[in-house]
Amino acid sequence: MIIDRGFFVDNYVGHYHMQDHKGEKYIVSEEQRFSQDDKHKLQKKRIFEFDNRDYEYIYMELSNVDITSDKAILDYCNKYGLPHSSQLMAEKILCLDANMSPDVQKKLYRSLQQPFPLNDHMSLEGFRRDAITIRKLMELKLLSEEPVFTDETYGQFLSLLIFFLFYSHKYNYSYSLGEELPRGRISRIQYWFYWVQKQLPSRFYYLPEDKKLKLFLMTFPARMEQFVEKNVGKEVSAFASDMLSNTMQNILRLASEFLCWNFSINSLNRTLRYDYGSFGEVKFTVAPIWDKGPEEKKFLSKLAKEVICGVINNGLEFSAPLLWCNGGDFNGEWKLSYQMSGIYLELYFEVAQNYIFRKCANPTCEKFFSVTRSRTNKKYCSDRCGKIEANRNKRKRDKESRQAKDEE
């Protein structure tokens, strides 16, 4: 049996800087793959190796990166490498032979037409999307476990749910015929939202985001047969299956009961509308109000957990257990392609084994941290944050005490 955390990734790690290319910003290594000088040659570093004494949860490190700070991003990359290393991607695409000469390998790398073919690199926006996705996934898990909603937490929860149901993997696919489909139903339903848009007249593309989603949810499950007749291909059977699934029915219930999206003339509920601007930001034009009961809360928590499973399972696409024989003995390990594969595998073990993580109670910090079984009441990520919050509360009490005395 492969026990928990029996995995690692040999990720390329160098010294990174920011560099522009055709109007887009990239995180680029100073080292190159085929440098003759060892000092300037890109090297691999093994990450995710578990050590009970001092283990760093890389998924938590990524979620806590300040994505508005180039320095914070570069500090992370200099320590762990890129979440999606261009060099590892190139190795996977090119299937290099160990007997190939460096000159031949160089030509193959240049043939990929990457912006920096011999350097390890990743777009800054790509890094930010990875960090946002992991952080918001952790936030969704925490909110799904809340015993009750306030108006504020309900609004946050709905925003996260819509993001992961319909926007989180927007940039992962080309939505062309013949493309390999996502493995999980949750991810496929999001895929269909964009796939359908490519099959429709261009005017559909310019509709507001909430109206696009409303038309998709209310129209395509009901008129699926007519749509399928006009769009033949291997995608059709999967599309039909997903549109009729229980998961889709739950999403329709979310839209009609909680977002109040329906076409009933006599409906007294006010439709919730939202804007979708930067990646991960679903903002309601009117703040949602929680006026539901425990059964509705139970339904939402169950749907959120299905979404969390779907996102993590989709992230495990490039992870697989591997059995091999060494000196007559069987050995097992995980075969992982990228740093993000290891991050999703970390999350898989954490969620499956009900390990606890929390967001720091210091409102000026809000970093995630792991909670040990022996200290389940821990509220702060560090002693420093605990002291900051204690001093803040003391100043607040002192101010209230002075005001009370003045009123006397």
Protein backbone atom coordinates (compact mmCIF):
# COMPACT_ATOMS: atom_id res chain seq x y z
CA MET A 1 0.00 0.00 0.00
CA ILE A 2 1.27 3.47 -0.87
CA ILE A 3 1.07 5.46 2.35
CA ASP A 4 0.24 9.13 2.58
CA ARG A 5 2.75 11.65 1.25
CA GLY A 6 4.96 8.99 -0.31
CA PHE A 7 5.66 11.25 -3.27
CA PHE A 8 7.98 13.91 -4.66
CA VAL A 9 8.51 16.09 -7.72
CA ASP A 10 11.88 16.82 -9.28
CA ASN A 11 11.11 20.41 -10.24
CA TYR A 12 13.45 22.80 -12.00
CA VAL A 13 14.49 25.55 -9.57
CA GLY A 14 16.66 28.52 -10.44
CA HIS A 15 17.01 32.23 -9.77
CA TYR A 16 14.01 33.97 -11.30
CA HIS A 17 13.25 37.49 -12.45
CA MET A 18 10.37 39.25 -14.21
CA GLN A 19 10.69 39.84 -17.94
CA ASP A 20 8.33 41.26 -20.58
CA HIS A 21 7.64 39.51 -23.87
CA LYS A 22 5.21 40.93 -26.42
CA GLY A 23 3.25 42.85 -23.80
CA GLU A 24 2.98 39.97 -21.34
CA LYS A 25 4.98 39.57 -18.14
CA TYR A 26 6.83 36.31 -17.45
CA ILE A 27 8.70 34.74 -14.54
CA VAL A 28 11.99 33.63 -16.14
CA SER A 29 15.00 31.74 -14.76
CA GLU A 30 18.45 33.29 -15.14
CA GLU A 31 19.83 29.79 -15.72
CA GLN A 32 19.44 27.92 -19.02
CA ARG A 33 18.84 24.28 -19.76
CA PHE A 34 21.92 23.68 -21.95
CA SER A 35 24.46 26.05 -20.41
CA GLN A 36 28.05 24.76 -20.48
CA ASP A 37 28.73 26.48 -17.16
CA ASP A 38 27.29 24.57 -14.18
CA LYS A 39 26.74 27.85 -12.37
CA HIS A 40 24.36 29.02 -15.09
CA LYS A 41 22.85 25.62 -15.89
CA LEU A 42 19.26 24.99 -14.81
CA GLN A 43 19.12 22.34 -12.08
CA LYS A 44 16.41 20.18 -10.57
CA LYS A 45 15.40 20.16 -6.91
CA ARG A 46 13.32 17.46 -5.21
CA ILE A 47 10.26 18.90 -3.45
CA PHE A 48 7.37 17.42 -1.42
CA GLU A 49 9.62 14.86 0.32
CA PHE A 50 7.85 14.30 3.62
CA ASP A 51 9.73 14.80 6.87
CA ASN A 52 7.67 14.52 10.05
CA ARG A 53 10.08 16.83 11.86
CA ASP A 54 9.89 19.82 9.55
CA TYR A 55 7.49 19.40 6.64
CA GLU A 56 6.47 22.43 4.60
CA TYR A 57 3.04 22.23 3.01
CA ILE A 58 3.72 23.71 -0.40
CA TYR A 59 0.02 24.10 -1.20
CA MET A 60 -0.22 26.37 1.85
CA GLU A 61 2.92 28.29 0.84
CA LEU A 62 1.40 28.94 -2.61
CA SER A 63 -1.97 29.98 -1.19
CA ASN A 64 -0.24 32.49 1.11
CA VAL A 65 1.84 34.21 -1.60
CA ASP A 66 1.02 37.90 -1.95
CA ILE A 67 0.25 37.88 -5.69
CA THR A 68 0.40 41.69 -5.84
CA SER A 69 4.09 41.60 -4.89
CA ASP A 70 6.69 40.60 -7.49
CA LYS A 71 9.17 40.02 -4.66
CA ALA A 72 6.85 37.58 -2.84
CA ILE A 73 6.24 35.67 -6.07
CA LEU A 74 9.95 35.48 -6.91
CA ASP A 75 10.80 34.38 -3.34
CA TYR A 76 8.38 31.48 -3.73
CA CYS A 77 9.74 30.49 -7.17
CA ASN A 78 13.37 30.71 -6.01
CA LYS A 79 12.53 28.22 -3.25
CA TYR A 80 10.17 25.77 -4.98
CA GLY A 81 10.37 26.52 -8.70
CA LEU A 82 7.38 27.24 -10.95
CA PRO A 83 3.94 25.63 -10.41
CA HIS A 84 4.00 24.70 -14.12
CA SER A 85 7.62 24.50 -15.28
CA SER A 86 8.02 25.16 -19.01
CA GLN A 87 11.03 22.82 -19.04
CA LEU A 88 9.06 19.93 -17.55
CA MET A 89 6.29 20.59 -20.06
CA ALA A 90 8.83 20.51 -22.88
CA GLU A 91 10.24 17.19 -21.64
CA LYS A 92 6.73 15.73 -21.60
CA ILE A 93 5.88 17.01 -25.10
CA LEU A 94 9.20 16.14 -26.77
CA CYS A 95 9.76 12.71 -25.16
CA LEU A 96 13.51 13.27 -25.29
CA ASP A 97 15.88 10.33 -25.78
CA ALA A 98 18.82 10.23 -23.37
CA ASN A 99 21.10 9.40 -26.33
CA MET A 100 20.25 12.62 -28.19
CA SER A 101 23.05 15.15 -28.48
CA PRO A 102 22.58 18.55 -26.76
CA ASP A 103 22.47 20.26 -30.17
CA VAL A 104 19.57 18.08 -31.31
CA GLN A 105 17.75 18.67 -28.04
CA LYS A 106 18.25 22.42 -28.39
CA LYS A 107 16.70 22.37 -31.86
CA LEU A 108 13.71 20.44 -30.54
CA TYR A 109 13.24 22.93 -27.71
CA ARG A 110 13.37 25.88 -30.08
CA SER A 111 10.79 24.19 -32.30
CA LEU A 112 8.19 24.56 -29.51
CA GLN A 113 8.15 28.32 -30.18
CA GLN A 114 8.04 29.22 -26.50
CA PRO A 115 8.98 32.82 -25.55
CA PHE A 116 12.10 31.63 -23.65
CA PRO A 117 12.72 28.08 -24.91
CA LEU A 118 15.97 27.41 -23.03
CA ASN A 119 14.98 29.11 -19.76
CA ASP A 120 12.43 27.87 -17.27
CA HIS A 121 9.49 30.26 -17.44
CA MET A 122 5.81 30.78 -16.78
CA SER A 123 3.49 33.73 -17.38
CA LEU A 124 2.89 35.91 -14.35
CA GLU A 125 -0.87 35.66 -14.92
CA GLY A 126 -0.60 31.87 -15.01
CA PHE A 127 1.18 31.87 -11.65
CA ARG A 128 -1.44 34.19 -10.16
CA ARG A 129 -4.26 31.98 -11.43
CA ASP A 130 -2.69 28.91 -9.81
CA ALA A 131 -2.24 30.71 -6.47
CA ILE A 132 -5.76 32.17 -6.55
CA THR A 133 -7.30 28.77 -7.35
CA ILE A 134 -5.62 27.03 -4.40
CA ARG A 135 -6.40 29.84 -1.96
CA LYS A 136 -10.05 30.06 -2.97
CA LEU A 137 -10.43 26.27 -2.86
CA MET A 138 -9.25 26.36 0.76
CA GLU A 139 -11.63 29.23 1.53
CA LEU A 140 -14.54 27.27 0.02
CA LYS A 141 -13.73 24.25 2.19
CA LEU A 142 -13.67 26.38 5.35
CA LEU A 143 -16.96 28.10 4.52
CA SER A 144 -18.65 24.80 3.63
CA GLU A 145 -17.86 23.60 7.17
CA GLU A 146 -19.40 26.65 8.88
CA PRO A 147 -22.38 25.51 11.01
CA VAL A 148 -24.45 28.56 10.00
CA PHE A 149 -24.16 31.37 7.47
CA THR A 150 -24.22 35.08 8.12
CA ASP A 151 -25.15 37.41 5.25
CA GLU A 152 -21.43 38.11 4.78
CA THR A 153 -20.24 34.49 4.75
CA TYR A 154 -23.17 33.47 2.54
CA GLY A 155 -22.16 36.05 -0.07
CA GLN A 156 -18.55 34.86 0.07
CA PHE A 157 -19.67 31.25 -0.23
CA LEU A 158 -21.90 31.87 -3.27
CA SER A 159 -19.12 33.80 -5.01
CA LEU A 160 -16.67 30.94 -4.51
CA LEU A 161 -19.20 28.33 -5.61
CA ILE A 162 -19.96 30.17 -8.87
CA PHE A 163 -16.24 30.68 -9.50
CA PHE A 164 -15.39 26.98 -9.17
CA LEU A 165 -18.47 25.79 -11.04
CA PHE A 166 -17.99 28.04 -14.08
CA TYR A 167 -14.73 30.02 -14.19
CA SER A 168 -11.79 28.36 -12.42
CA HIS A 169 -10.56 26.30 -15.42
CA LYS A 170 -11.48 28.72 -18.19
CA TYR A 171 -7.87 29.00 -19.46
CA ASN A 172 -7.01 25.29 -19.27
CA TYR A 173 -8.61 24.23 -22.55
CA SER A 174 -9.02 25.33 -26.17
CA TYR A 175 -12.67 24.12 -26.44
CA SER A 176 -12.07 22.69 -29.89
CA LEU A 177 -13.62 19.54 -31.33
CA GLY A 178 -11.58 16.45 -30.58
CA GLU A 179 -9.95 17.90 -27.46
CA GLU A 180 -9.62 15.50 -24.53
CA LEU A 181 -12.38 16.25 -22.04
CA PRO A 182 -11.87 16.86 -18.31
CA ARG A 183 -12.20 13.64 -16.32
CA GLY A 184 -14.77 14.81 -13.73
CA ARG A 185 -18.38 15.87 -14.20
CA ILE A 186 -17.98 19.13 -12.25
CA SER A 187 -15.07 20.18 -14.49
CA ARG A 188 -16.88 19.01 -17.64
CA ILE A 189 -19.97 21.10 -16.90
CA GLN A 190 -17.70 24.14 -16.67
CA TYR A 191 -16.09 22.99 -19.93
CA TRP A 192 -19.51 22.83 -21.63
CA PHE A 193 -20.26 26.41 -20.54
CA TYR A 194 -17.38 27.62 -22.76
CA TRP A 195 -17.71 24.92 -25.39
CA VAL A 196 -21.34 25.92 -26.03
CA GLN A 197 -20.34 29.58 -26.36
CA LYS A 198 -17.99 28.66 -29.22
CA GLN A 199 -20.85 26.97 -31.06
CA LEU A 200 -23.20 29.95 -30.79
CA PRO A 201 -23.36 33.23 -32.74
CA SER A 202 -20.77 35.80 -31.69
CA ARG A 203 -23.40 38.10 -30.15
CA PHE A 204 -23.76 35.60 -27.28
CA TYR A 205 -20.11 36.28 -26.37
CA TYR A 206 -20.80 39.96 -25.63
CA LEU A 207 -23.62 39.36 -23.15
CA PRO A 208 -22.94 40.12 -19.45
CA GLU A 209 -21.42 37.13 -17.67
CA ASP A 210 -24.39 36.44 -15.41
CA LYS A 211 -26.77 36.55 -18.38
CA LYS A 212 -24.59 34.10 -20.34
CA LEU A 213 -24.63 31.68 -17.45
CA LYS A 214 -28.36 32.09 -16.91
CA LEU A 215 -29.11 31.34 -20.57
CA PHE A 216 -26.79 28.32 -20.48
CA LEU A 217 -28.40 26.84 -17.36
CA MET A 218 -31.99 27.55 -18.27
CA THR A 219 -31.82 26.82 -22.00
CA PHE A 220 -29.43 23.98 -22.80
CA PRO A 221 -30.64 21.27 -20.41
CA ALA A 222 -34.21 21.88 -21.69
CA ARG A 223 -33.27 22.15 -25.40
CA MET A 224 -30.43 19.68 -25.37
CA GLU A 225 -31.77 17.48 -28.18
CA GLN A 226 -32.09 20.37 -30.63
CA PHE A 227 -28.59 21.57 -29.83
CA VAL A 228 -27.07 18.09 -30.10
CA GLU A 229 -28.63 17.54 -33.55
CA LYS A 230 -26.69 20.52 -34.91
CA ASN A 231 -23.36 19.67 -33.27
CA VAL A 232 -22.20 16.16 -34.05
CA GLY A 233 -18.98 14.71 -32.66
CA LYS A 234 -17.70 12.46 -29.93
CA GLU A 235 -18.48 15.20 -27.36
CA VAL A 236 -22.22 14.79 -27.88
CA SER A 237 -22.76 11.71 -25.70
CA ALA A 238 -20.78 13.19 -22.80
CA PHE A 239 -22.60 16.51 -23.20
CA ALA A 240 -26.00 14.82 -23.08
CA SER A 241 -25.02 12.71 -20.08
CA ASP A 242 -23.76 15.72 -18.12
CA MET A 243 -26.83 17.86 -18.94
CA LEU A 244 -29.11 15.12 -17.52
CA SER A 245 -26.98 14.32 -14.47
CA ASN A 246 -27.91 14.80 -10.80
CA THR A 247 -25.01 17.25 -10.56
CA MET A 248 -26.63 19.44 -13.22
CA GLN A 249 -29.96 19.21 -11.39
CA ASN A 250 -28.25 20.43 -8.22
CA ILE A 251 -26.68 23.32 -10.12
CA LEU A 252 -30.11 24.23 -11.54
CA ARG A 253 -31.50 24.16 -8.00
CA LEU A 254 -28.70 26.48 -6.91
CA ALA A 255 -29.60 28.89 -9.73
CA SER A 256 -33.35 28.87 -9.17
CA GLU A 257 -33.54 28.65 -5.37
CA PHE A 258 -30.48 30.63 -4.25
CA LEU A 259 -29.75 32.97 -7.17
CA CYS A 260 -33.50 33.26 -7.95
CA TRP A 261 -32.88 32.76 -11.67
CA ASN A 262 -36.18 31.74 -13.26
CA PHE A 263 -38.55 32.87 -16.00
CA SER A 264 -41.69 32.89 -13.89
CA ILE A 265 -43.65 36.12 -14.38
CA ASN A 266 -45.18 35.74 -10.94
CA SER A 267 -41.88 35.22 -9.14
CA LEU A 268 -41.56 37.46 -6.07
CA ASN A 269 -37.86 36.74 -5.54
CA ARG A 270 -35.29 39.31 -6.58
CA THR A 271 -32.77 37.94 -9.07
CA LEU A 272 -29.17 38.01 -7.85
CA ARG A 273 -26.87 39.49 -10.47
CA TYR A 274 -23.09 39.50 -10.48
CA ASP A 275 -20.07 40.83 -12.34
CA TYR A 276 -17.03 38.75 -13.16
CA GLY A 277 -13.93 40.87 -13.66
CA SER A 278 -10.46 39.69 -12.72
CA PHE A 279 -9.79 35.97 -12.26
CA GLY A 280 -11.51 34.63 -9.14
CA GLU A 281 -13.59 37.75 -8.45
CA VAL A 282 -17.33 37.09 -8.60
CA LYS A 283 -19.01 40.21 -7.20
CA PHE A 284 -22.75 40.52 -6.65
CA THR A 285 -24.34 43.84 -7.57
CA VAL A 286 -26.63 43.46 -4.53
CA ALA A 287 -25.33 41.61 -1.46
CA PRO A 288 -27.05 38.21 -0.96
CA ILE A 289 -29.08 37.78 2.25
CA TRP A 290 -29.16 34.46 4.10
CA ASP A 291 -32.80 33.75 4.94
CA LYS A 292 -32.79 29.97 4.48
CA GLY A 293 -32.98 27.09 6.93
CA PRO A 294 -30.74 24.14 7.93
CA GLU A 295 -31.88 21.94 5.02
CA GLU A 296 -30.81 24.55 2.48
CA LYS A 297 -27.49 24.95 4.31
CA LYS A 298 -27.00 21.19 4.17
CA PHE A 299 -27.68 21.18 0.42
CA LEU A 300 -25.16 23.97 -0.24
CA SER A 301 -22.46 22.33 1.88
CA LYS A 302 -22.95 19.04 0.04
CA LEU A 303 -22.71 20.76 -3.36
CA ALA A 304 -19.56 22.62 -2.22
CA LYS A 305 -17.93 19.34 -1.16
CA GLU A 306 -18.78 17.82 -4.55
CA VAL A 307 -17.15 20.85 -6.20
CA ILE A 308 -14.03 20.53 -4.00
CA CYS A 309 -13.73 16.83 -4.91
CA GLY A 310 -14.16 17.67 -8.60
CA VAL A 311 -11.50 20.39 -8.59
CA ILE A 312 -8.95 18.25 -6.72
CA ASN A 313 -9.65 15.18 -8.87
CA ASN A 314 -9.18 17.25 -12.01
CA GLY A 315 -5.90 18.56 -10.57
CA LEU A 316 -4.72 14.96 -10.12
CA GLU A 317 -4.90 14.37 -13.88
CA PHE A 318 -1.10 14.28 -14.14
CA SER A 319 -0.61 12.14 -11.01
CA ALA A 320 -0.55 8.36 -10.97
CA PRO A 321 0.65 5.58 -8.63
CA LEU A 322 3.62 3.69 -10.04
CA LEU A 323 4.74 0.18 -9.10
CA TRP A 324 8.30 -0.91 -9.85
CA CYS A 325 10.70 -3.69 -8.95
CA ASN A 326 14.10 -3.00 -7.38
CA GLY A 327 16.40 -5.92 -6.58
CA GLY A 328 13.53 -8.37 -6.47
CA ASP A 329 11.35 -6.24 -4.15
CA PHE A 330 8.24 -4.35 -5.16
CA ASN A 331 8.20 -0.62 -4.51
CA GLY A 332 5.43 1.93 -4.92
CA GLU A 333 5.54 5.66 -5.45
CA TRP A 334 3.60 8.43 -7.14
CA LYS A 335 4.53 9.60 -10.64
CA LEU A 336 3.92 13.35 -10.82
CA SER A 337 4.45 15.69 -13.75
CA TYR A 338 4.49 19.18 -12.22
CA GLN A 339 4.65 21.06 -8.93
CA MET A 340 0.88 21.66 -9.21
CA SER A 341 0.38 17.88 -9.42
CA GLY A 342 2.09 17.58 -6.03
CA ILE A 343 0.03 20.47 -4.62
CA TYR A 344 -3.22 18.78 -5.58
CA LEU A 345 -1.93 15.49 -4.18
CA GLU A 346 -1.10 17.25 -0.91
CA LEU A 347 -4.64 18.62 -0.84
CA TYR A 348 -6.02 15.17 -1.65
CA PHE A 349 -4.33 13.67 1.42
CA GLU A 350 -5.22 16.63 3.65
CA VAL A 351 -8.92 16.60 2.70
CA ALA A 352 -9.32 12.81 2.59
CA GLN A 353 -7.82 12.40 6.07
CA ASN A 354 -9.69 15.39 7.53
CA TYR A 355 -6.62 17.34 8.52
CA ILE A 356 -7.45 20.84 9.73
CA PHE A 357 -6.27 24.13 8.30
CA ARG A 358 -7.48 27.58 9.24
CA LYS A 359 -7.16 31.19 8.19
CA CYS A 360 -5.26 33.39 10.64
CA ALA A 361 -7.65 35.36 12.89
CA ASN A 362 -5.47 38.47 12.54
CA PRO A 363 -7.50 40.48 9.95
CA THR A 364 -4.34 42.13 8.60
CA CYS A 365 -2.78 38.71 7.90
CA GLU A 366 -5.36 36.01 7.01
CA LYS A 367 -2.68 33.51 6.00
CA PHE A 368 -3.58 29.84 6.07
CA PHE A 369 -1.88 27.53 8.56
CA SER A 370 -2.18 23.88 9.56
CA VAL A 371 -3.66 22.90 12.92
CA THR A 372 -2.15 20.01 14.83
CA ARG A 373 -4.35 17.47 16.61
CA SER A 374 -2.92 18.62 19.95
CA ARG A 375 -3.80 22.30 19.36
CA THR A 376 -7.17 22.35 17.61
CA ASN A 377 -8.05 25.70 19.22
CA LYS A 378 -5.15 27.52 17.56
CA LYS A 379 -6.38 30.78 15.98
CA TYR A 380 -3.22 32.48 14.69
CA CYS A 381 -0.58 31.45 12.18
CA SER A 382 2.22 32.72 14.46
CA ASP A 383 2.88 34.09 17.94
CA ARG A 384 3.51 37.47 16.31
CA CYS A 385 -0.02 37.59 14.86
CA GLY A 386 -1.44 36.51 18.23
CA LYS A 387 0.35 39.37 19.99
CA ILE A 388 -0.72 41.91 17.34
CA GLU A 389 -4.37 40.91 17.74
CA ALA A 390 -4.11 40.88 21.57
CA ASN A 391 -2.69 44.43 21.52
CA ARG A 392 -5.40 45.54 19.09
CA ASN A 393 -8.13 44.14 21.35
CA LYS A 394 -6.53 45.77 24.40
CA ARG A 395 -6.50 49.18 22.69
CA LYS A 396 -10.15 48.68 21.75
CA ARG A 397 -11.12 47.80 25.34
CA ASP A 398 -9.15 50.75 26.72
CA LYS A 399 -10.90 53.10 24.29
CA GLU A 400 -14.33 51.75 25.25
CA SER A 401 -13.46 52.07 28.94
CA ARG A 402 -12.41 55.72 28.50
CA GLN A 403 -15.60 56.49 26.57
CA ALA A 404 -17.70 54.89 29.29
CA LYS A 405 -15.97 57.02 31.97
CA ASP A 406 -16.49 60.19 29.92
CA GLU A 407 -20.20 59.45 29.62
CA GLU A 408 -20.45 59.10 33.40
